[in-house]
N, C-alpha and C. Protein backbone atom coordinates (compact mmCIF):
# COMPACT_ATOMS: atom_id res chain seq x y z
N MET A 1 19.51 -2.86 -6.22
CA MET A 1 19.20 -3.67 -5.21
C MET A 1 18.50 -4.58 -5.29
N LYS A 2 18.89 -5.97 -4.55
CA LYS A 2 17.78 -7.04 -4.52
C LYS A 2 17.23 -7.67 -3.58
N TYR A 3 16.01 -7.67 -3.10
CA TYR A 3 15.09 -8.22 -2.00
C TYR A 3 14.97 -9.14 -1.94
N ARG A 4 15.26 -10.32 -0.84
CA ARG A 4 14.87 -11.97 -1.01
C ARG A 4 14.35 -12.29 0.72
N VAL A 5 13.73 -13.10 0.89
CA VAL A 5 13.19 -13.80 2.41
C VAL A 5 14.16 -14.59 2.81
N VAL A 6 14.18 -14.57 4.29
CA VAL A 6 15.07 -15.90 4.53
C VAL A 6 14.24 -15.63 5.96
N SER A 7 13.92 -17.27 6.05
CA SER A 7 13.60 -17.80 6.93
C SER A 7 14.51 -18.03 8.37
N VAL A 8 13.82 -17.86 9.42
CA VAL A 8 14.90 -18.40 10.31
C VAL A 8 14.48 -18.79 11.88
N LEU A 9 14.36 -20.48 11.92
CA LEU A 9 13.58 -21.07 13.06
C LEU A 9 13.85 -19.91 14.68
N LYS A 10 12.72 -19.94 15.46
CA LYS A 10 13.25 -19.07 16.97
C LYS A 10 11.53 -20.28 17.21
N ASP A 11 12.33 -20.47 18.31
CA ASP A 11 10.59 -20.86 19.34
C ASP A 11 10.18 -22.39 18.72
N ASN A 12 11.14 -22.88 17.67
CA ASN A 12 10.56 -24.08 17.17
C ASN A 12 9.41 -23.47 16.12
N ARG A 13 9.50 -22.09 15.66
CA ARG A 13 8.51 -21.63 14.93
C ARG A 13 9.34 -21.08 13.49
N PRO A 14 9.10 -21.14 12.44
CA PRO A 14 9.86 -19.80 11.28
C PRO A 14 9.23 -18.38 11.42
N ARG A 15 10.65 -17.80 11.37
CA ARG A 15 10.18 -16.30 11.59
C ARG A 15 10.51 -15.96 9.81
N PHE A 16 10.13 -15.06 9.49
CA PHE A 16 10.91 -14.73 8.31
C PHE A 16 11.19 -13.31 8.27
N LEU A 17 12.24 -12.51 7.42
CA LEU A 17 12.64 -11.83 7.26
C LEU A 17 13.11 -11.06 5.77
N ILE A 18 13.07 -9.84 5.41
CA ILE A 18 13.20 -9.40 4.13
C ILE A 18 14.91 -8.58 4.30
N ILE A 19 15.86 -9.30 3.76
CA ILE A 19 16.79 -8.50 3.38
C ILE A 19 17.35 -8.18 2.20
N SER A 20 17.79 -7.02 2.13
CA SER A 20 18.65 -6.81 1.03
C SER A 20 19.96 -7.71 0.41
N ASP A 21 20.53 -7.53 -0.78
CA ASP A 21 21.10 -8.07 -0.96
C ASP A 21 22.79 -7.98 -0.71
N ILE A 22 22.81 -6.72 -0.18
CA ILE A 22 24.05 -6.44 0.99
C ILE A 22 24.08 -6.72 2.08
N GLU A 23 23.10 -7.95 2.82
CA GLU A 23 22.73 -8.97 3.88
C GLU A 23 22.11 -7.61 5.06
N GLU A 24 21.40 -6.51 4.42
CA GLU A 24 21.16 -5.36 5.40
C GLU A 24 19.23 -6.16 5.85
N ILE A 25 18.77 -6.45 7.06
CA ILE A 25 17.59 -6.30 7.31
C ILE A 25 17.03 -5.08 6.84
N GLU A 26 15.81 -5.65 6.11
CA GLU A 26 14.19 -4.50 6.16
C GLU A 26 14.07 -4.55 6.63
N ILE A 27 13.90 -3.03 7.59
CA ILE A 27 13.34 -2.95 9.33
C ILE A 27 11.44 -3.11 8.70
N LEU A 28 11.40 -1.91 7.98
CA LEU A 28 9.90 -1.54 8.40
C LEU A 28 8.56 -3.48 7.48
N PRO A 29 9.69 -4.00 6.55
CA PRO A 29 8.50 -5.12 5.98
C PRO A 29 8.90 -5.97 7.46
N SER A 30 10.08 -6.14 7.79
CA SER A 30 10.13 -7.56 8.56
C SER A 30 9.79 -7.20 10.05
N LYS A 31 9.31 -5.58 10.71
CA LYS A 31 8.06 -5.40 11.75
C LYS A 31 7.57 -5.56 11.12
N TYR A 32 6.97 -5.71 9.75
CA TYR A 32 5.36 -6.25 9.81
C TYR A 32 5.05 -7.49 9.86
N LEU A 33 5.87 -8.56 8.98
CA LEU A 33 5.94 -9.76 9.39
C LEU A 33 6.04 -10.51 11.09
N LYS A 34 7.03 -9.44 11.62
CA LYS A 34 7.01 -9.75 13.26
C LYS A 34 5.36 -9.21 13.76
N HIS A 35 4.80 -8.73 13.49
CA HIS A 35 3.78 -8.11 13.80
C HIS A 35 2.99 -9.61 13.55
N LEU A 36 2.65 -10.12 12.41
CA LEU A 36 2.08 -10.95 11.81
C LEU A 36 2.03 -12.26 13.24
N ASP A 37 3.56 -12.38 12.79
CA ASP A 37 3.72 -13.42 13.81
C ASP A 37 2.87 -13.22 15.53
N GLN A 38 2.74 -11.93 15.74
CA GLN A 38 2.42 -12.05 17.54
C GLN A 38 0.98 -11.84 17.45
N ILE A 39 0.11 -11.65 16.01
CA ILE A 39 -1.04 -11.97 16.02
C ILE A 39 -1.28 -13.36 15.90
N ASN A 40 -0.85 -14.05 15.78
CA ASN A 40 -1.00 -15.66 15.76
C ASN A 40 -1.76 -16.03 14.36
N ALA A 41 -0.50 -15.24 13.26
CA ALA A 41 -1.34 -15.49 12.06
C ALA A 41 -0.15 -16.86 11.98
N SER A 42 -0.79 -17.53 10.63
CA SER A 42 -0.28 -19.15 10.29
C SER A 42 0.84 -18.36 9.24
N PRO A 43 2.11 -19.78 9.97
CA PRO A 43 3.35 -19.57 9.38
C PRO A 43 2.89 -19.22 7.57
N ASN A 44 1.91 -19.95 7.32
CA ASN A 44 1.62 -19.87 5.62
C ASN A 44 2.06 -18.62 5.30
N THR A 45 0.60 -17.67 6.10
CA THR A 45 0.34 -16.43 6.15
C THR A 45 1.43 -15.99 5.67
N VAL A 46 2.27 -15.78 6.74
CA VAL A 46 3.33 -14.96 7.42
C VAL A 46 4.45 -15.28 6.12
N LYS A 47 4.47 -16.21 5.70
CA LYS A 47 5.61 -16.56 4.47
C LYS A 47 4.90 -15.70 3.20
N SER A 48 3.90 -16.06 2.86
CA SER A 48 3.21 -15.32 1.52
C SER A 48 3.90 -14.22 1.61
N ALA A 49 3.33 -13.32 2.93
CA ALA A 49 3.31 -12.06 3.05
C ALA A 49 4.59 -11.24 3.01
N ALA A 50 5.49 -12.39 3.32
CA ALA A 50 7.07 -12.09 3.33
C ALA A 50 7.60 -11.81 1.85
N PHE A 51 7.13 -12.87 1.21
CA PHE A 51 7.40 -13.26 -0.40
C PHE A 51 6.75 -11.82 -1.22
N ALA A 52 5.43 -11.87 -0.94
CA ALA A 52 4.77 -10.67 -1.53
C ALA A 52 5.41 -9.39 -1.26
N LEU A 53 5.95 -9.34 -0.57
CA LEU A 53 6.37 -7.59 0.32
C LEU A 53 8.18 -8.00 -0.25
N SER A 54 8.46 -9.19 -0.57
CA SER A 54 10.19 -9.10 -1.34
C SER A 54 9.97 -8.72 -2.49
N TYR A 55 9.06 -9.29 -3.39
CA TYR A 55 8.11 -9.26 -4.54
C TYR A 55 8.26 -7.33 -5.37
N TYR A 56 7.29 -6.77 -4.02
CA TYR A 56 6.89 -5.46 -3.88
C TYR A 56 8.22 -4.57 -4.08
N TYR A 57 9.20 -4.75 -3.50
CA TYR A 57 10.54 -4.05 -2.78
C TYR A 57 10.96 -4.36 -4.04
N ASN A 58 11.09 -5.25 -4.79
CA ASN A 58 12.15 -5.46 -5.80
C ASN A 58 11.21 -4.73 -7.32
N TYR A 59 9.83 -5.01 -6.76
CA TYR A 59 9.27 -4.29 -7.98
C TYR A 59 9.26 -2.86 -7.66
N LEU A 60 9.61 -2.09 -6.80
CA LEU A 60 10.04 -0.62 -6.41
C LEU A 60 11.25 0.05 -6.56
N GLN A 61 11.76 -1.09 -6.41
CA GLN A 61 13.48 -0.79 -6.82
C GLN A 61 13.42 -0.78 -8.32
N GLU A 62 13.44 -1.13 -8.96
CA GLU A 62 12.82 -1.39 -10.81
C GLU A 62 12.76 -0.09 -10.90
N GLN A 63 11.02 0.45 -10.12
CA GLN A 63 10.65 1.48 -10.55
C GLN A 63 11.31 2.44 -10.31
N THR A 64 12.01 2.81 -9.43
CA THR A 64 12.78 3.66 -9.13
C THR A 64 12.07 4.45 -8.39
N ILE A 65 10.88 3.95 -7.21
CA ILE A 65 10.55 5.24 -6.52
C ILE A 65 10.24 4.23 -4.95
N GLY A 66 10.48 5.17 -4.40
CA GLY A 66 10.09 5.27 -2.93
C GLY A 66 9.00 4.28 -2.18
N LEU A 67 9.05 3.72 -1.24
CA LEU A 67 7.61 3.36 -0.30
C LEU A 67 6.42 5.02 -0.53
N ASP A 68 7.55 5.30 0.69
CA ASP A 68 6.71 6.78 0.58
C ASP A 68 6.26 7.33 -0.32
N GLU A 69 6.72 7.23 -1.46
CA GLU A 69 6.20 7.80 -2.78
C GLU A 69 4.95 8.06 -2.78
N ILE A 70 4.67 6.31 -3.11
CA ILE A 70 3.26 5.48 -3.32
C ILE A 70 2.21 7.07 -2.50
N THR A 71 2.06 7.12 -1.11
CA THR A 71 1.36 7.58 -0.49
C THR A 71 1.10 9.07 -0.74
N LEU A 72 1.95 9.73 -1.83
CA LEU A 72 1.49 11.39 -2.14
C LEU A 72 1.29 11.44 -3.86
N LEU A 73 0.97 10.06 -4.27
CA LEU A 73 0.65 10.09 -5.86
C LEU A 73 -1.18 10.26 -5.51
N SER A 74 -1.46 10.81 -6.59
CA SER A 74 -2.98 10.71 -6.72
C SER A 74 -3.58 9.46 -6.38
N TYR A 75 -5.10 9.45 -6.72
CA TYR A 75 -5.76 8.02 -6.54
C TYR A 75 -5.37 7.04 -8.02
N SER A 76 -5.68 8.41 -8.56
CA SER A 76 -5.17 7.45 -10.39
C SER A 76 -4.34 6.67 -10.16
N GLU A 77 -3.10 7.98 -10.17
CA GLU A 77 -1.39 7.37 -10.04
C GLU A 77 -1.38 5.72 -9.28
N GLN A 78 -2.16 5.92 -8.16
CA GLN A 78 -1.89 4.67 -6.98
C GLN A 78 -2.20 3.80 -7.52
N ASN A 79 -3.65 3.82 -8.69
CA ASN A 79 -4.19 2.82 -8.87
C ASN A 79 -3.42 2.58 -10.40
N LYS A 80 -3.02 2.82 -10.84
CA LYS A 80 -1.94 2.87 -12.00
C LYS A 80 -1.16 1.93 -11.41
N HIS A 81 -0.41 2.61 -10.27
CA HIS A 81 1.02 1.74 -9.96
C HIS A 81 0.64 0.43 -9.83
N PHE A 82 -0.42 0.22 -8.78
CA PHE A 82 -0.94 -0.85 -8.03
C PHE A 82 -1.62 -1.82 -9.60
N ILE A 83 -1.85 -1.30 -10.59
CA ILE A 83 -2.11 -2.08 -11.55
C ILE A 83 -1.10 -2.93 -12.70
N ASP A 84 -0.08 -1.99 -12.48
CA ASP A 84 1.48 -2.18 -13.42
C ASP A 84 2.21 -3.28 -12.59
N PHE A 85 1.92 -3.27 -10.84
CA PHE A 85 2.52 -4.46 -10.33
C PHE A 85 2.06 -5.58 -10.37
N LEU A 86 0.81 -5.56 -10.71
CA LEU A 86 0.04 -6.80 -11.17
C LEU A 86 0.70 -7.31 -12.00
N TYR A 87 0.55 -6.44 -13.29
CA TYR A 87 1.04 -6.95 -14.55
C TYR A 87 2.46 -7.51 -14.27
N TRP A 88 3.16 -7.10 -13.66
CA TRP A 88 4.33 -7.33 -13.40
C TRP A 88 4.71 -8.98 -12.62
N VAL A 89 3.75 -8.89 -11.92
CA VAL A 89 3.79 -10.21 -11.34
C VAL A 89 3.34 -11.08 -12.14
N LYS A 90 2.33 -10.82 -12.57
CA LYS A 90 1.42 -11.58 -13.80
C LYS A 90 2.75 -12.47 -14.71
N SER A 91 3.43 -11.53 -14.92
CA SER A 91 4.12 -12.14 -16.33
C SER A 91 5.42 -12.55 -15.80
N GLY A 92 5.80 -12.50 -14.13
CA GLY A 92 6.59 -13.50 -13.87
C GLY A 92 7.90 -12.70 -13.46
N LYS A 93 7.86 -11.45 -13.76
CA LYS A 93 9.40 -11.13 -13.47
C LYS A 93 9.74 -10.67 -12.07
N HIS A 94 9.20 -11.47 -11.10
CA HIS A 94 9.60 -11.76 -9.69
C HIS A 94 10.39 -12.78 -9.63
N THR A 95 10.20 -13.79 -10.63
CA THR A 95 10.95 -14.90 -10.63
C THR A 95 11.86 -14.73 -11.54
N GLU A 96 13.08 -15.68 -11.18
CA GLU A 96 14.49 -15.78 -11.70
C GLU A 96 13.93 -16.21 -13.17
N HIS A 97 13.25 -16.94 -13.48
CA HIS A 97 12.72 -17.93 -15.16
C HIS A 97 11.75 -17.22 -15.80
N ASN A 98 10.94 -15.65 -15.10
CA ASN A 98 9.73 -15.46 -15.28
C ASN A 98 8.47 -16.23 -16.09
N THR A 99 8.24 -17.18 -14.76
CA THR A 99 7.35 -18.17 -15.12
C THR A 99 5.77 -16.70 -14.64
N GLN A 100 4.99 -17.49 -15.19
CA GLN A 100 4.03 -16.03 -15.21
C GLN A 100 3.49 -17.50 -13.93
N THR A 101 2.43 -16.12 -13.43
CA THR A 101 1.78 -16.42 -11.70
C THR A 101 0.35 -16.11 -11.95
N SER A 102 -0.05 -16.88 -11.56
CA SER A 102 -2.01 -17.34 -11.82
C SER A 102 -2.43 -16.06 -11.82
N ASN A 103 -3.68 -15.65 -11.49
CA ASN A 103 -4.40 -14.62 -11.00
C ASN A 103 -4.95 -14.31 -9.22
N LYS A 104 -5.12 -15.43 -8.79
CA LYS A 104 -5.23 -15.98 -7.36
C LYS A 104 -4.31 -15.23 -6.79
N THR A 105 -2.78 -15.88 -7.19
CA THR A 105 -1.94 -15.68 -6.68
C THR A 105 -1.04 -14.18 -6.66
N CYS A 106 -1.43 -13.36 -7.79
CA CYS A 106 -1.52 -12.02 -8.76
C CYS A 106 -2.29 -11.45 -6.94
N ASN A 107 -3.38 -11.65 -6.56
CA ASN A 107 -4.29 -10.91 -6.64
C ASN A 107 -3.84 -11.25 -4.18
N MET A 108 -3.71 -12.14 -4.14
CA MET A 108 -3.06 -12.57 -2.79
C MET A 108 -1.64 -11.42 -2.66
N TYR A 109 -1.03 -11.47 -3.78
CA TYR A 109 0.16 -10.48 -3.53
C TYR A 109 -0.25 -9.34 -3.23
N LEU A 110 -0.93 -8.73 -3.93
CA LEU A 110 -1.91 -7.12 -4.14
C LEU A 110 -2.40 -6.70 -2.50
N GLY A 111 -2.73 -7.91 -2.16
CA GLY A 111 -3.55 -7.58 -0.69
C GLY A 111 -2.62 -7.80 0.48
N ALA A 112 -1.83 -8.37 0.37
CA ALA A 112 -0.40 -8.33 1.27
C ALA A 112 0.02 -7.03 0.88
N VAL A 113 0.13 -6.60 0.10
CA VAL A 113 0.70 -5.45 -0.36
C VAL A 113 0.13 -4.39 0.64
N PHE A 114 -1.40 -4.43 -0.08
CA PHE A 114 -2.25 -3.36 0.50
C PHE A 114 -2.39 -3.15 2.44
N ARG A 115 -2.25 -4.77 2.95
CA ARG A 115 -2.48 -5.07 4.39
C ARG A 115 -1.44 -3.81 5.05
N TYR A 116 -0.25 -4.52 4.50
CA TYR A 116 1.23 -3.77 4.63
C TYR A 116 1.27 -2.20 4.28
N TYR A 117 0.76 -1.50 3.58
CA TYR A 117 0.46 -0.12 3.72
C TYR A 117 -0.28 -0.37 5.07
N GLN A 118 -1.29 -0.59 5.24
CA GLN A 118 -1.96 0.03 6.22
C GLN A 118 -1.57 -0.07 7.77
N PHE A 119 -0.78 -1.28 7.94
CA PHE A 119 -0.17 -1.25 9.08
C PHE A 119 0.82 -0.59 8.85
N LEU A 120 1.34 0.27 7.99
CA LEU A 120 2.44 1.28 8.59
C LEU A 120 1.67 2.63 8.56
N ALA A 121 0.25 3.15 7.85
CA ALA A 121 -0.06 3.97 7.95
C ALA A 121 -0.73 3.59 9.92
N LEU A 122 -1.05 2.71 10.25
CA LEU A 122 -1.60 2.82 11.80
C LEU A 122 -0.32 2.42 13.05
N GLU A 123 0.78 2.62 12.63
CA GLU A 123 2.07 2.47 12.99
C GLU A 123 2.60 3.91 13.14
N ASP A 124 1.70 4.59 12.19
CA ASP A 124 2.47 6.23 12.09
C ASP A 124 3.36 6.53 10.90
N VAL A 125 3.78 5.29 10.18
CA VAL A 125 5.58 5.41 9.44
C VAL A 125 5.18 6.09 8.44
N LEU A 126 4.02 5.64 7.58
CA LEU A 126 3.92 6.33 6.33
C LEU A 126 2.23 6.77 6.39
N PRO A 127 1.55 8.02 5.48
CA PRO A 127 0.50 8.06 5.32
C PRO A 127 -0.57 6.93 5.06
N SER A 128 -1.50 6.87 4.70
CA SER A 128 -2.14 5.95 4.38
C SER A 128 -2.51 5.92 2.67
N CYS A 129 -2.75 4.88 2.15
CA CYS A 129 -3.07 5.15 0.71
C CYS A 129 -3.97 6.11 0.39
N MET A 130 -4.65 6.67 -0.53
CA MET A 130 -5.98 6.66 -0.82
C MET A 130 -6.78 5.65 -1.22
N THR A 131 -7.79 5.43 -0.62
CA THR A 131 -8.55 4.18 -1.18
C THR A 131 -9.79 5.31 -1.78
N HIS A 132 -10.96 4.50 -2.07
CA HIS A 132 -12.08 5.14 -2.81
C HIS A 132 -12.98 5.69 -2.11
N ARG A 133 -12.38 5.00 -0.95
CA ARG A 133 -13.59 6.17 0.12
C ARG A 133 -13.05 7.24 0.31
N ASP A 134 -11.91 7.56 0.28
CA ASP A 134 -10.87 8.79 0.73
C ASP A 134 -11.61 9.78 -0.23
N VAL A 135 -11.47 9.56 -1.52
CA VAL A 135 -11.98 10.39 -3.07
C VAL A 135 -13.09 10.70 -2.50
N MET A 136 -13.91 9.94 -2.27
CA MET A 136 -15.90 9.96 -2.35
C MET A 136 -15.42 11.32 -1.13
N ASN A 137 -15.04 10.83 0.39
CA ASN A 137 -15.21 11.83 1.57
C ASN A 137 -14.54 12.80 0.82
N ARG A 138 -13.28 13.58 0.08
CA ARG A 138 -12.93 14.60 -0.08
C ARG A 138 -14.30 15.00 -1.45
N GLN A 139 -14.16 14.27 -2.40
CA GLN A 139 -15.40 15.24 -3.51
C GLN A 139 -16.53 15.25 -2.29
N LEU A 140 -17.01 15.21 -1.58
CA LEU A 140 -18.44 15.16 -0.58
C LEU A 140 -17.80 16.35 0.08
N ARG A 141 -16.62 16.52 0.89
CA ARG A 141 -16.26 17.32 1.47
C ARG A 141 -16.15 18.60 0.99
N SER A 142 -16.08 18.68 -0.42
CA SER A 142 -15.97 19.99 -1.66
C SER A 142 -16.93 20.41 -1.98
N LEU A 143 -18.32 18.90 -2.24
CA LEU A 143 -19.04 19.55 -2.72
C LEU A 143 -20.54 20.31 -1.65
N ILE A 144 -20.17 19.76 -0.39
CA ILE A 144 -20.72 20.43 0.77
C ILE A 144 -19.72 22.06 0.61
N GLU A 145 -18.70 21.85 0.82
CA GLU A 145 -17.90 23.56 1.21
C GLU A 145 -19.06 24.52 -0.45
N LEU A 146 -19.08 24.00 -1.50
CA LEU A 146 -19.44 24.81 -2.57
C LEU A 146 -20.49 24.80 -2.03
N ASN A 147 -21.51 24.03 -1.97
CA ASN A 147 -23.06 24.54 -1.48
C ASN A 147 -23.31 25.49 -0.17
N MET A 148 -22.05 25.01 0.88
CA MET A 148 -22.36 26.43 1.69
C MET A 148 -21.91 27.51 1.26
N GLN A 149 -20.71 27.96 0.29
CA GLN A 149 -20.56 28.89 -0.26
C GLN A 149 -21.76 29.77 -0.94
N ARG A 150 -22.75 29.00 -1.87
CA ARG A 150 -23.30 29.27 -2.85
C ARG A 150 -24.54 30.06 -1.87
N ARG A 151 -25.08 28.99 -0.41
CA ARG A 151 -25.62 29.22 0.55
C ARG A 151 -25.31 30.82 1.18
N GLU A 152 -24.28 30.75 1.40
CA GLU A 152 -23.61 32.15 2.44
C GLU A 152 -23.59 33.41 1.06
N ARG A 153 -23.31 33.44 -0.44
CA ARG A 153 -23.58 34.20 -1.23
C ARG A 153 -25.36 34.48 -1.43
N ASP A 154 -25.70 33.61 -1.62
CA ASP A 154 -26.82 33.99 -2.05
C ASP A 154 -27.86 34.44 -0.51
N ASP A 155 -27.66 34.48 0.97
CA ASP A 155 -28.13 34.85 2.17
C ASP A 155 -27.63 36.51 1.95
N ILE A 156 -26.10 37.06 1.24
CA ILE A 156 -25.88 38.08 1.48
C ILE A 156 -26.50 39.15 0.34
N THR A 157 -26.90 37.97 -1.05
CA THR A 157 -27.45 38.80 -2.18
C THR A 157 -28.51 39.50 -1.46
N ALA A 158 -29.41 38.63 -0.76
CA ALA A 158 -30.90 38.57 -0.18
C ALA A 158 -30.90 39.86 1.11
N ALA A 159 -29.52 39.42 1.71
CA ALA A 159 -29.83 41.09 2.20
C ALA A 159 -29.44 42.24 1.90
N LEU A 160 -28.75 42.63 0.87
CA LEU A 160 -28.46 43.50 0.32
C LEU A 160 -29.94 44.20 -0.77
N ILE A 161 -30.55 43.51 -1.10
CA ILE A 161 -31.61 43.42 -1.87
C ILE A 161 -32.89 44.15 -0.95
N LYS A 162 -33.05 43.79 0.51
CA LYS A 162 -33.61 44.10 1.40
C LYS A 162 -33.14 45.12 1.55
N VAL A 163 -31.55 45.68 1.86
CA VAL A 163 -31.42 46.85 2.28
C VAL A 163 -32.14 47.88 1.55
N GLN A 164 -32.24 47.33 -0.39
CA GLN A 164 -32.06 48.54 -1.10
C GLN A 164 -33.50 48.99 -0.75
């Protein structure tokens, strides 16, 4: 299945939708694009986000992985997934003619995809993708728990020594 962007004029302003090749509207990305309209993002921003998401959905389809599955990947697997998406876009596989894309444009597409995941997490549609901060917080919590276990063990050992 392929995804593409459709522009519709509403209230003298372009509205963007993402539809599949079987002419079905993709609800989640279209909801995000509507949100961008509602917060008065510029039409160019909404249009860029629409194309970025259509490319990302095509990439997911090609990789046979679902949007929700990405959030379940480990941090390093997510990192690899998004780097692979960048290479895919950079090589032009998102276009009919495999036209290479500039680094700036690739980064803009990736930023749009990240903002989309943040939107889905805030809407409680999907859990958020792990960020570097999440990984650091998880590691910090593990170290704190380990430290607390050591202290408890040391306290118990000290109490046993006093009893003997």
